[in-house]
């Protein structure tokens, strides 16, 4: 088992990661009867994409003796209706100054664009992924 999710009340859950013991609380979003005081479940999916992209880039970068410290992904989730679902995820990656050649940048970008979360998303979810190399 990976995690437990407990419904607390008022559209809030506590998600417990069993291996580490770390917890995340979620709220329903304000546009769907929630308070929006925590990540919503769909926020976690979009944020998970950004985290997976940068993590897989970090794994590959380690094998290439490249430090990605300070790399950042700005994530925007856009909801669609009928049915209510994630319609689009915008993930803009800003890389620190690394002075890499184009081939190395291409390798790292390809790794990010094929991360496990990206490959797990439904094909109807539009992805707007961009990289900014400083």
C-alpha atoms as a PDB file:
ATOM      1  CA  UNK A   1       0.000   0.000   0.000  1.00  0.00           C
ATOM      2  CA  UNK A   2       1.275   3.482  -0.888  1.00  0.00           C
ATOM      3  CA  UNK A   3      -0.957   5.810   1.092  1.00  0.00           C
ATOM      4  CA  UNK A   4      -4.153   6.224   3.051  1.00  0.00           C
ATOM      5  CA  UNK A   5      -6.667   8.998   2.465  1.00  0.00           C
ATOM      6  CA  UNK A   6      -8.951   9.929   5.348  1.00  0.00           C
ATOM      7  CA  UNK A   7     -11.971  12.172   4.902  1.00  0.00           C
ATOM      8  CA  UNK A   8     -11.844  14.628   7.796  1.00  0.00           C
ATOM      9  CA  UNK A   9     -14.933  16.827   7.196  1.00  0.00           C
ATOM     10  CA  UNK A  10     -15.973  19.881   5.211  1.00  0.00           C
ATOM     11  CA  UNK A  11     -14.500  18.492   1.968  1.00  0.00           C
ATOM     12  CA  UNK A  12     -11.009  18.085   3.466  1.00  0.00           C
ATOM     13  CA  UNK A  13      -8.851  14.961   3.425  1.00  0.00           C
ATOM     14  CA  UNK A  14      -5.581  13.950   5.016  1.00  0.00           C
ATOM     15  CA  UNK A  15      -3.315  11.875   2.784  1.00  0.00           C
ATOM     16  CA  UNK A  16      -0.641   9.869   4.596  1.00  0.00           C
ATOM     17  CA  UNK A  17       2.372   8.503   2.722  1.00  0.00           C
ATOM     18  CA  UNK A  18       3.030   5.207   4.494  1.00  0.00           C
ATOM     19  CA  UNK A  19       6.735   4.811   3.728  1.00  0.00           C
ATOM     20  CA  UNK A  20       7.771   8.247   4.995  1.00  0.00           C
ATOM     21  CA  UNK A  21       4.931   9.195   7.325  1.00  0.00           C
ATOM     22  CA  UNK A  22       4.562  12.582   5.613  1.00  0.00           C
ATOM     23  CA  UNK A  23       1.068  13.995   5.224  1.00  0.00           C
ATOM     24  CA  UNK A  24      -0.726  16.283   2.793  1.00  0.00           C
ATOM     25  CA  UNK A  25      -4.133  17.807   3.383  1.00  0.00           C
ATOM     26  CA  UNK A  26      -6.469  18.548   0.499  1.00  0.00           C
ATOM     27  CA  UNK A  27      -9.523  20.758   0.124  1.00  0.00           C
ATOM     28  CA  UNK A  28     -12.127  20.949  -2.579  1.00  0.00           C
ATOM     29  CA  UNK A  29     -11.438  24.009  -4.752  1.00  0.00           C
ATOM     30  CA  UNK A  30     -13.455  27.183  -4.315  1.00  0.00           C
ATOM     31  CA  UNK A  31     -15.118  26.670  -7.705  1.00  0.00           C
ATOM     32  CA  UNK A  32     -16.463  23.321  -6.506  1.00  0.00           C
ATOM     33  CA  UNK A  33     -17.909  24.022  -3.034  1.00  0.00           C
ATOM     34  CA  UNK A  34     -14.574  23.972  -1.214  1.00  0.00           C
ATOM     35  CA  UNK A  35     -12.535  26.402   0.823  1.00  0.00           C
ATOM     36  CA  UNK A  36      -9.433  26.179  -1.374  1.00  0.00           C
ATOM     37  CA  UNK A  37      -7.217  26.381   1.712  1.00  0.00           C
ATOM     38  CA  UNK A  38      -5.084  23.419   0.590  1.00  0.00           C
ATOM     39  CA  UNK A  39      -4.129  21.741  -2.666  1.00  0.00           C
ATOM     40  CA  UNK A  40      -7.148  20.201  -4.376  1.00  0.00           C
ATOM     41  CA  UNK A  41      -6.824  16.648  -5.707  1.00  0.00           C
ATOM     42  CA  UNK A  42      -6.549  17.994  -9.263  1.00  0.00           C
ATOM     43  CA  UNK A  43      -3.914  20.514  -8.097  1.00  0.00           C
ATOM     44  CA  UNK A  44      -1.897  17.533  -6.870  1.00  0.00           C
ATOM     45  CA  UNK A  45      -2.055  15.896 -10.294  1.00  0.00           C
ATOM     46  CA  UNK A  46      -0.832  19.034 -12.062  1.00  0.00           C
ATOM     47  CA  UNK A  47       1.823  19.668  -9.413  1.00  0.00           C
ATOM     48  CA  UNK A  48       2.806  16.004  -9.577  1.00  0.00           C
ATOM     49  CA  UNK A  49       3.561  16.465 -13.273  1.00  0.00           C
ATOM     50  CA  UNK A  50       5.938  19.342 -12.492  1.00  0.00           C
ATOM     51  CA  UNK A  51       7.604  17.417  -9.678  1.00  0.00           C
ATOM     52  CA  UNK A  52       7.987  14.316 -11.837  1.00  0.00           C
ATOM     53  CA  UNK A  53       9.446  16.295 -14.735  1.00  0.00           C
ATOM     54  CA  UNK A  54      12.089  18.003 -12.615  1.00  0.00           C
ATOM     55  CA  UNK A  55      12.852  14.826 -10.627  1.00  0.00           C
ATOM     56  CA  UNK A  56      13.437  12.707 -13.727  1.00  0.00           C
ATOM     57  CA  UNK A  57      15.599  15.498 -15.158  1.00  0.00           C
ATOM     58  CA  UNK A  58      17.547  15.455 -11.890  1.00  0.00           C
ATOM     59  CA  UNK A  59      18.047  11.694 -12.096  1.00  0.00           C
ATOM     60  CA  UNK A  60      19.389  11.964 -15.649  1.00  0.00           C
ATOM     61  CA  UNK A  61      21.467  15.036 -14.773  1.00  0.00           C
ATOM     62  CA  UNK A  62      23.174  13.127 -11.938  1.00  0.00           C
ATOM     63  CA  UNK A  63      24.334  10.489 -14.431  1.00  0.00           C
ATOM     64  CA  UNK A  64      25.795  13.335 -16.524  1.00  0.00           C
ATOM     65  CA  UNK A  65      27.471  15.073 -13.542  1.00  0.00           C
ATOM     66  CA  UNK A  66      25.178  18.099 -13.879  1.00  0.00           C
ATOM     67  CA  UNK A  67      23.662  19.823 -10.828  1.00  0.00           C
ATOM     68  CA  UNK A  68      20.142  21.141 -11.395  1.00  0.00           C
ATOM     69  CA  UNK A  69      19.947  22.898  -8.028  1.00  0.00           C
ATOM     70  CA  UNK A  70      17.581  25.839  -8.312  1.00  0.00           C
ATOM     71  CA  UNK A  71      15.619  24.529 -11.302  1.00  0.00           C
ATOM     72  CA  UNK A  72      11.956  25.490 -11.011  1.00  0.00           C
ATOM     73  CA  UNK A  73       8.664  24.463 -12.622  1.00  0.00           C
ATOM     74  CA  UNK A  74       5.714  26.865 -12.613  1.00  0.00           C
ATOM     75  CA  UNK A  75       2.509  24.872 -12.969  1.00  0.00           C
ATOM     76  CA  UNK A  76      -0.961  26.095 -13.966  1.00  0.00           C
ATOM     77  CA  UNK A  77      -3.968  23.790 -14.019  1.00  0.00           C
ATOM     78  CA  UNK A  78      -6.917  24.661 -16.253  1.00  0.00           C
ATOM     79  CA  UNK A  79     -10.186  22.870 -15.598  1.00  0.00           C
ATOM     80  CA  UNK A  80     -12.660  21.828 -18.298  1.00  0.00           C
ATOM     81  CA  UNK A  81     -16.336  21.035 -17.939  1.00  0.00           C
ATOM     82  CA  UNK A  82     -18.697  18.348 -19.225  1.00  0.00           C
ATOM     83  CA  UNK A  83     -17.251  16.300 -17.775  1.00  0.00           C
ATOM     84  CA  UNK A  84     -15.444  18.270 -15.081  1.00  0.00           C
ATOM     85  CA  UNK A  85     -11.793  17.336 -15.452  1.00  0.00           C
ATOM     86  CA  UNK A  86      -8.321  18.755 -15.958  1.00  0.00           C
ATOM     87  CA  UNK A  87      -8.375  20.179 -19.481  1.00  0.00           C
ATOM     88  CA  UNK A  88      -4.884  21.610 -19.652  1.00  0.00           C
ATOM     89  CA  UNK A  89      -1.681  21.711 -17.643  1.00  0.00           C
ATOM     90  CA  UNK A  90       0.864  24.434 -18.281  1.00  0.00           C
ATOM     91  CA  UNK A  91       4.344  23.577 -16.997  1.00  0.00           C
ATOM     92  CA  UNK A  92       7.079  26.122 -17.597  1.00  0.00           C
ATOM     93  CA  UNK A  93      10.528  24.995 -16.513  1.00  0.00           C
ATOM     94  CA  UNK A  94      13.233  27.534 -15.681  1.00  0.00           C
ATOM     95  CA  UNK A  95      16.713  26.084 -15.511  1.00  0.00           C
ATOM     96  CA  UNK A  96      19.642  27.657 -13.655  1.00  0.00           C
ATOM     97  CA  UNK A  97      22.666  28.932 -15.567  1.00  0.00           C
ATOM     98  CA  UNK A  98      24.435  25.739 -16.624  1.00  0.00           C
ATOM     99  CA  UNK A  99      26.134  26.575 -19.949  1.00  0.00           C
ATOM    100  CA  UNK A 100      25.055  23.286 -21.526  1.00  0.00           C
ATOM    101  CA  UNK A 101      25.267  22.455 -25.216  1.00  0.00           C
ATOM    102  CA  UNK A 102      22.069  22.004 -27.226  1.00  0.00           C
ATOM    103  CA  UNK A 103      22.332  18.189 -27.294  1.00  0.00           C
ATOM    104  CA  UNK A 104      22.491  17.978 -23.488  1.00  0.00           C
ATOM    105  CA  UNK A 105      19.545  20.353 -23.147  1.00  0.00           C
ATOM    106  CA  UNK A 106      17.588  18.219 -25.638  1.00  0.00           C
ATOM    107  CA  UNK A 107      18.326  15.050 -23.638  1.00  0.00           C
ATOM    108  CA  UNK A 108      17.148  16.626 -20.385  1.00  0.00           C
ATOM    109  CA  UNK A 109      14.009  18.058 -21.996  1.00  0.00           C
ATOM    110  CA  UNK A 110      13.133  14.688 -23.550  1.00  0.00           C
ATOM    111  CA  UNK A 111      13.481  12.997 -20.159  1.00  0.00           C
ATOM    112  CA  UNK A 112      11.095  15.551 -18.636  1.00  0.00           C
ATOM    113  CA  UNK A 113       8.544  15.203 -21.445  1.00  0.00           C
ATOM    114  CA  UNK A 114       8.443  11.422 -20.995  1.00  0.00           C
ATOM    115  CA  UNK A 115       8.292  11.233 -17.206  1.00  0.00           C
ATOM    116  CA  UNK A 116       5.969   8.625 -15.635  1.00  0.00           C
ATOM    117  CA  UNK A 117       3.293  11.164 -14.657  1.00  0.00           C
ATOM    118  CA  UNK A 118       3.202  12.646 -18.173  1.00  0.00           C
ATOM    119  CA  UNK A 119       2.805   9.142 -19.584  1.00  0.00           C
ATOM    120  CA  UNK A 120      -0.005   8.420 -17.105  1.00  0.00           C
ATOM    121  CA  UNK A 121      -2.160  11.412 -18.054  1.00  0.00           C
ATOM    122  CA  UNK A 122      -5.139  10.923 -20.349  1.00  0.00           C
ATOM    123  CA  UNK A 123      -4.363  11.985 -23.930  1.00  0.00           C
ATOM    124  CA  UNK A 124      -7.238  14.500 -23.785  1.00  0.00           C
ATOM    125  CA  UNK A 125      -5.307  16.572 -21.232  1.00  0.00           C
ATOM    126  CA  UNK A 126      -3.566  19.289 -23.216  1.00  0.00           C
ATOM    127  CA  UNK A 127       0.033  19.865 -22.132  1.00  0.00           C
ATOM    128  CA  UNK A 128       1.830  23.178 -22.619  1.00  0.00           C
ATOM    129  CA  UNK A 129       5.421  22.436 -21.615  1.00  0.00           C
ATOM    130  CA  UNK A 130       8.170  24.986 -22.136  1.00  0.00           C
ATOM    131  CA  UNK A 131      11.804  25.264 -21.047  1.00  0.00           C
ATOM    132  CA  UNK A 132      13.710  28.459 -20.272  1.00  0.00           C
ATOM    133  CA  UNK A 133      17.464  27.946 -20.156  1.00  0.00           C
ATOM    134  CA  UNK A 134      19.182  30.882 -18.456  1.00  0.00           C
END
